[in-house]
């Protein structure tokens, strides 16, 4: 393993460790433990139920990508592959997609490159859903976000900044369109592949079922976040705060291993924008992250152990 690969593993863990320390410097461990003791675990269980539904839907959605390729994997194997992938991502970011494809190669005979290709296409659909949620948040919270920006930044500088960004975007797109080699061609190829991946969704036989499950998966993610809020007594968060907190948490998971350390900090920062006190906001972030992590470790670990048993006749 070369130094670059080692750094990819160590740096997110180091960042996560630092953020754990930072979070605990804001709210003591004793205080967090007290919040955990007083939390209403029925609400946490409801949130986890929504999380389980999202994972099952993701596993089922996968078949709509594999069937046109001539493969009909067992739902149990598809589900366990998804859960193992989430577990692996906690150890090595982005390695879960590789392990997911490898599981289906071992137990369903699906060629690795084909299985991995469908996973990439799924990720494109997920990226679009995240962008849609961001757009919905901007639409419903436009006044709040506008007031927040104008309060903390000079409106003239914001306008100038947006104009500069628009100009840079125009120049960049022109450069990419004309590129025939080098970095520009790589970007052009990536964008072309992205567009092809998106349009292929609308060309598949069961496109509406695929779209339904994609929307359902992300709706369950939001519901999981929303349903857990009442677990902390007196924690009142408006719907706009739910969406912004969810988005902040989602980006934090992509930045560190499963959002370790960063998830509670990001969620607390988002909720603070809506006047939520630092203590309960941070406690909620830790409870939310702990519940998700425990679910993945338990179900992912059981899937890892049960896969060879379930497929022992192969």
Protein backbone atom coordinates (compact mmCIF):
# COMPACT_ATOMS: atom_id res chain seq x y z
CA UNK A 1 0.00 0.00 0.00
CA UNK A 2 1.57 3.33 -1.08
CA UNK A 3 1.71 6.53 0.98
CA UNK A 4 -1.16 8.16 -0.91
CA UNK A 5 -3.54 5.30 -0.06
CA UNK A 6 -2.40 5.30 3.57
CA UNK A 7 -3.05 9.05 3.82
CA UNK A 8 -6.55 8.58 2.37
CA UNK A 9 -7.30 6.23 5.27
CA UNK A 10 -5.47 8.07 8.06
CA UNK A 11 -6.41 11.70 7.30
CA UNK A 12 -10.22 11.25 7.58
CA UNK A 13 -9.71 9.32 10.84
CA UNK A 14 -7.37 12.02 12.17
CA UNK A 15 -9.86 14.73 11.21
CA UNK A 16 -12.65 12.75 12.87
CA UNK A 17 -10.59 12.34 16.04
CA UNK A 18 -9.84 16.06 16.18
CA UNK A 19 -13.52 16.91 15.71
CA UNK A 20 -14.53 14.50 18.48
CA UNK A 21 -12.16 16.39 20.78
CA UNK A 22 -13.52 19.74 19.52
CA UNK A 23 -17.12 18.66 20.10
CA UNK A 24 -16.35 17.46 23.61
CA UNK A 25 -14.58 20.76 24.35
CA UNK A 26 -17.90 22.51 23.66
CA UNK A 27 -20.14 20.09 25.55
CA UNK A 28 -18.68 17.87 28.25
CA UNK A 29 -18.83 14.09 28.07
CA UNK A 30 -20.80 14.01 31.33
CA UNK A 31 -23.44 16.30 29.83
CA UNK A 32 -23.71 14.17 26.70
CA UNK A 33 -24.11 11.01 28.79
CA UNK A 34 -26.93 12.69 30.70
CA UNK A 35 -28.69 13.53 27.42
CA UNK A 36 -28.29 9.92 26.30
CA UNK A 37 -29.81 8.69 29.59
CA UNK A 38 -32.79 11.03 29.32
CA UNK A 39 -33.43 10.50 25.59
CA UNK A 40 -36.73 8.98 24.47
CA UNK A 41 -35.60 5.82 22.71
CA UNK A 42 -39.00 5.18 21.15
CA UNK A 43 -38.40 8.14 18.86
CA UNK A 44 -34.88 6.92 18.13
CA UNK A 45 -36.30 3.48 17.28
CA UNK A 46 -38.80 5.10 14.90
CA UNK A 47 -35.97 6.98 13.21
CA UNK A 48 -33.99 3.74 12.83
CA UNK A 49 -37.08 2.07 11.36
CA UNK A 50 -37.12 4.69 8.61
CA UNK A 51 -33.39 4.06 8.12
CA UNK A 52 -33.95 0.31 7.71
CA UNK A 53 -36.69 0.99 5.14
CA UNK A 54 -34.27 3.16 3.14
CA UNK A 55 -31.66 0.37 3.07
CA UNK A 56 -34.22 -2.24 2.01
CA UNK A 57 -35.49 0.08 -0.72
CA UNK A 58 -31.91 0.69 -1.92
CA UNK A 59 -31.31 -3.06 -2.15
CA UNK A 60 -34.57 -3.56 -4.05
CA UNK A 61 -33.90 -0.61 -6.38
CA UNK A 62 -30.62 -2.20 -7.41
CA UNK A 63 -32.45 -4.98 -9.26
CA UNK A 64 -33.83 -2.43 -11.76
CA UNK A 65 -30.24 -1.68 -12.78
CA UNK A 66 -29.13 -5.32 -12.92
CA UNK A 67 -32.10 -6.89 -14.70
CA UNK A 68 -31.37 -5.24 -18.11
CA UNK A 69 -27.89 -6.79 -17.85
CA UNK A 70 -29.43 -10.26 -17.49
CA UNK A 71 -29.00 -10.71 -13.72
CA UNK A 72 -31.67 -11.37 -11.10
CA UNK A 73 -29.89 -11.53 -7.72
CA UNK A 74 -31.63 -12.72 -4.57
CA UNK A 75 -33.06 -9.86 -2.53
CA UNK A 76 -31.32 -11.19 0.61
CA UNK A 77 -27.90 -11.06 -1.05
CA UNK A 78 -28.60 -7.60 -2.44
CA UNK A 79 -29.64 -6.34 1.01
CA UNK A 80 -26.63 -7.83 2.77
CA UNK A 81 -24.28 -6.44 0.09
CA UNK A 82 -25.68 -2.93 0.69
CA UNK A 83 -25.28 -3.25 4.48
CA UNK A 84 -21.73 -4.60 4.18
CA UNK A 85 -20.90 -1.66 1.90
CA UNK A 86 -22.07 0.84 4.54
CA UNK A 87 -19.98 -0.96 7.17
CA UNK A 88 -16.84 -0.94 5.00
CA UNK A 89 -17.26 2.80 4.35
CA UNK A 90 -16.80 3.39 8.08
CA UNK A 91 -13.32 1.87 7.82
CA UNK A 92 -12.25 3.12 4.38
CA UNK A 93 -14.27 5.94 2.74
CA UNK A 94 -15.69 5.05 -0.71
CA UNK A 95 -14.41 1.46 -0.42
CA UNK A 96 -17.94 0.29 0.32
CA UNK A 97 -18.98 0.54 -3.33
CA UNK A 98 -16.11 -1.78 -4.27
CA UNK A 99 -17.02 -4.30 -1.56
CA UNK A 100 -20.69 -4.19 -2.58
CA UNK A 101 -19.84 -5.12 -6.16
CA UNK A 102 -17.38 -7.78 -4.94
CA UNK A 103 -20.05 -9.41 -2.75
CA UNK A 104 -22.37 -9.78 -5.74
CA UNK A 105 -19.52 -11.16 -7.83
CA UNK A 106 -18.78 -13.82 -5.22
CA UNK A 107 -22.34 -14.87 -4.42
CA UNK A 108 -24.38 -14.00 -7.52
CA UNK A 109 -21.79 -14.35 -10.27
CA UNK A 110 -22.27 -10.77 -11.47
CA UNK A 111 -19.08 -9.52 -13.19
CA UNK A 112 -17.42 -6.93 -10.97
CA UNK A 113 -17.21 -4.20 -13.60
CA UNK A 114 -20.91 -4.51 -14.45
CA UNK A 115 -22.00 -4.50 -10.82
CA UNK A 116 -19.75 -1.55 -10.04
CA UNK A 117 -21.07 0.32 -13.07
CA UNK A 118 -24.65 0.05 -11.82
CA UNK A 119 -23.55 1.34 -8.40
CA UNK A 120 -21.96 4.40 -10.03
CA UNK A 121 -25.23 5.02 -11.91
CA UNK A 122 -27.11 4.77 -8.60
CA UNK A 123 -24.78 7.30 -7.03
CA UNK A 124 -25.58 9.72 -9.85
CA UNK A 125 -29.29 9.36 -9.03
CA UNK A 126 -28.50 9.94 -5.34
CA UNK A 127 -26.47 13.03 -6.18
CA UNK A 128 -29.42 14.44 -8.11
CA UNK A 129 -31.70 13.77 -5.14
CA UNK A 130 -29.35 15.62 -2.80
CA UNK A 131 -29.28 18.57 -5.20
CA UNK A 132 -33.10 18.53 -5.34
CA UNK A 133 -33.29 18.59 -1.53
CA UNK A 134 -30.85 21.52 -1.48
CA UNK A 135 -32.98 23.32 -4.09
CA UNK A 136 -36.17 22.69 -2.06
CA UNK A 137 -34.42 24.01 1.05
CA UNK A 138 -33.31 27.15 -0.78
CA UNK A 139 -36.86 27.67 -2.07
CA UNK A 140 -38.62 27.29 1.28
CA UNK A 141 -35.92 29.04 3.29
CA UNK A 142 -34.99 31.74 0.79
CA UNK A 143 -35.95 34.63 3.09
CA UNK A 144 -34.09 33.11 6.03
CA UNK A 145 -30.94 32.36 4.01
CA UNK A 146 -31.04 35.78 2.34
CA UNK A 147 -31.37 37.51 5.73
CA UNK A 148 -28.57 35.36 7.15
CA UNK A 149 -26.23 36.24 4.29
CA UNK A 150 -27.04 39.95 4.24
CA UNK A 151 -26.70 40.11 8.02
CA UNK A 152 -23.23 38.56 8.04
CA UNK A 153 -21.91 39.72 4.66
CA UNK A 154 -21.94 42.93 2.67
CA UNK A 155 -24.69 42.60 -0.02
CA UNK A 156 -22.47 44.42 -2.54
CA UNK A 157 -19.69 41.87 -2.00
CA UNK A 158 -22.20 39.02 -2.38
CA UNK A 159 -23.41 40.41 -5.73
CA UNK A 160 -19.84 40.93 -6.95
CA UNK A 161 -18.92 37.42 -5.80
CA UNK A 162 -21.89 35.87 -7.63
CA UNK A 163 -21.03 37.84 -10.77
CA UNK A 164 -17.41 36.63 -10.63
CA UNK A 165 -18.57 33.04 -10.11
CA UNK A 166 -20.96 33.31 -13.08
CA UNK A 167 -18.14 34.66 -15.26
CA UNK A 168 -15.73 31.92 -14.15
CA UNK A 169 -18.41 29.29 -14.80
CA UNK A 170 -18.96 30.65 -18.32
CA UNK A 171 -15.21 30.65 -19.07
CA UNK A 172 -14.80 27.17 -17.61
CA UNK A 173 -17.68 25.69 -19.63
CA UNK A 174 -16.30 27.21 -22.83
CA UNK A 175 -12.88 25.74 -22.03
CA UNK A 176 -14.33 22.28 -21.35
CA UNK A 177 -16.45 22.30 -24.54
CA UNK A 178 -13.41 23.06 -26.70
CA UNK A 179 -11.00 20.76 -24.82
CA UNK A 180 -9.46 17.94 -26.86
CA UNK A 181 -6.82 16.77 -24.40
CA UNK A 182 -5.55 17.07 -20.82
CA UNK A 183 -7.59 18.07 -17.77
CA UNK A 184 -10.33 19.72 -19.80
CA UNK A 185 -10.98 16.53 -21.77
CA UNK A 186 -11.17 14.52 -18.53
CA UNK A 187 -13.81 16.91 -17.16
CA UNK A 188 -15.67 16.78 -20.48
CA UNK A 189 -15.64 12.97 -20.44
CA UNK A 190 -16.83 12.91 -16.83
CA UNK A 191 -19.73 15.29 -17.51
CA UNK A 192 -20.68 13.34 -20.65
CA UNK A 193 -20.71 10.11 -18.63
CA UNK A 194 -22.78 11.83 -15.95
CA UNK A 195 -25.38 12.95 -18.48
CA UNK A 196 -25.46 9.49 -20.08
CA UNK A 197 -25.93 7.89 -16.68
CA UNK A 198 -28.85 10.18 -15.86
CA UNK A 199 -30.55 9.73 -19.23
CA UNK A 200 -30.10 5.94 -19.04
CA UNK A 201 -32.38 5.94 -15.99
CA UNK A 202 -35.24 7.28 -18.10
CA UNK A 203 -34.58 4.68 -20.78
CA UNK A 204 -34.75 1.64 -18.51
CA UNK A 205 -37.79 -0.64 -18.57
CA UNK A 206 -38.80 0.02 -14.93
CA UNK A 207 -37.79 3.68 -14.83
CA UNK A 208 -40.80 4.81 -12.79
CA UNK A 209 -40.23 2.12 -10.17
CA UNK A 210 -36.56 3.15 -10.01
CA UNK A 211 -37.48 6.83 -9.63
CA UNK A 212 -40.08 5.98 -6.96
CA UNK A 213 -37.55 4.04 -4.89
CA UNK A 214 -34.95 6.80 -5.31
CA UNK A 215 -37.39 9.39 -3.96
CA UNK A 216 -38.52 6.97 -1.23
CA UNK A 217 -34.95 6.30 -0.09
CA UNK A 218 -34.22 9.99 0.41
CA UNK A 219 -37.61 10.67 1.96
CA UNK A 220 -36.79 7.97 4.53
CA UNK A 221 -33.40 9.62 5.20
CA UNK A 222 -35.14 12.91 5.98
CA UNK A 223 -37.81 11.12 8.06
CA UNK A 224 -35.09 9.35 10.03
CA UNK A 225 -33.56 12.71 10.92
CA UNK A 226 -36.91 14.36 11.64
CA UNK A 227 -38.32 11.49 13.75
CA UNK A 228 -35.29 11.49 16.05
CA UNK A 229 -35.61 15.16 17.04
CA UNK A 230 -38.36 14.56 19.69
CA UNK A 231 -35.98 12.10 21.41
CA UNK A 232 -34.57 15.15 23.22
CA UNK A 233 -37.25 16.81 25.31
CA UNK A 234 -37.80 20.47 24.49
CA UNK A 235 -35.79 20.37 21.24
CA UNK A 236 -37.89 22.41 18.82
CA UNK A 237 -36.60 22.56 15.26
CA UNK A 238 -38.63 24.04 12.36
CA UNK A 239 -38.87 22.11 9.09
CA UNK A 240 -36.29 24.40 7.51
CA UNK A 241 -33.89 23.48 10.29
CA UNK A 242 -34.57 19.80 9.67
CA UNK A 243 -33.65 20.16 6.00
CA UNK A 244 -30.54 22.26 6.62
CA UNK A 245 -29.43 19.98 9.47
CA UNK A 246 -29.97 16.93 7.25
CA UNK A 247 -27.92 18.46 4.42
CA UNK A 248 -25.10 19.42 6.81
CA UNK A 249 -25.07 15.90 8.23
CA UNK A 250 -25.08 14.37 4.75
CA UNK A 251 -22.01 16.32 3.66
CA UNK A 252 -20.21 15.46 6.90
CA UNK A 253 -20.65 11.73 6.25
CA UNK A 254 -18.90 12.17 2.89
CA UNK A 255 -16.01 14.11 4.49
CA UNK A 256 -14.98 11.67 7.25
CA UNK A 257 -15.46 7.97 7.93
CA UNK A 258 -19.20 7.76 8.45
CA UNK A 259 -19.22 11.35 9.72
CA UNK A 260 -17.22 10.50 12.86
CA UNK A 261 -16.67 13.67 14.87
CA UNK A 262 -17.87 15.95 12.07
CA UNK A 263 -21.55 14.88 12.00
CA UNK A 264 -22.43 16.22 15.49
CA UNK A 265 -20.48 19.45 14.86
CA UNK A 266 -22.11 20.02 11.44
CA UNK A 267 -25.63 19.28 12.67
CA UNK A 268 -25.19 21.45 15.79
CA UNK A 269 -23.91 24.31 13.62
CA UNK A 270 -26.92 24.01 11.29
CA UNK A 271 -29.45 23.91 14.14
CA UNK A 272 -27.75 26.88 15.83
CA UNK A 273 -28.80 29.01 12.84
CA UNK A 274 -32.40 28.47 14.00
CA UNK A 275 -31.73 29.51 17.57
CA UNK A 276 -31.25 26.01 19.01
CA UNK A 277 -28.91 26.05 22.03
CA UNK A 278 -25.47 24.52 21.54
CA UNK A 279 -25.87 21.85 24.25
CA UNK A 280 -29.06 20.11 23.03
CA UNK A 281 -28.07 20.63 19.37
CA UNK A 282 -24.72 18.90 19.91
CA UNK A 283 -26.35 16.17 21.99
CA UNK A 284 -28.87 15.55 19.20
CA UNK A 285 -26.04 15.31 16.68
CA UNK A 286 -24.28 12.69 18.80
CA UNK A 287 -27.47 10.71 19.44
CA UNK A 288 -28.34 10.77 15.74
CA UNK A 289 -24.84 9.72 14.68
CA UNK A 290 -24.59 7.01 17.36
CA UNK A 291 -27.97 5.52 16.37
CA UNK A 292 -27.02 5.40 12.68
CA UNK A 293 -23.58 3.99 13.40
CA UNK A 294 -24.90 1.32 15.76
CA UNK A 295 -27.45 0.26 13.14
CA UNK A 296 -24.77 -0.08 10.45
CA UNK A 297 -22.30 -1.90 12.70
CA UNK A 298 -24.93 -4.39 13.91
CA UNK A 299 -26.70 -5.08 10.60
CA UNK A 300 -23.55 -4.74 8.51
CA UNK A 301 -21.62 -7.04 10.83
CA UNK A 302 -24.41 -9.63 10.84
CA UNK A 303 -24.63 -9.45 7.03
CA UNK A 304 -20.87 -10.01 6.75
CA UNK A 305 -21.13 -13.11 8.94
CA UNK A 306 -24.38 -14.45 7.46
CA UNK A 307 -23.50 -14.07 3.76
CA UNK A 308 -21.35 -17.25 3.54
CA UNK A 309 -23.90 -19.18 5.63
CA UNK A 310 -26.84 -18.12 3.45
CA UNK A 311 -24.86 -19.02 0.32
CA UNK A 312 -23.18 -22.17 1.67
CA UNK A 313 -24.51 -24.32 -1.20
CA UNK A 314 -22.78 -22.20 -3.82
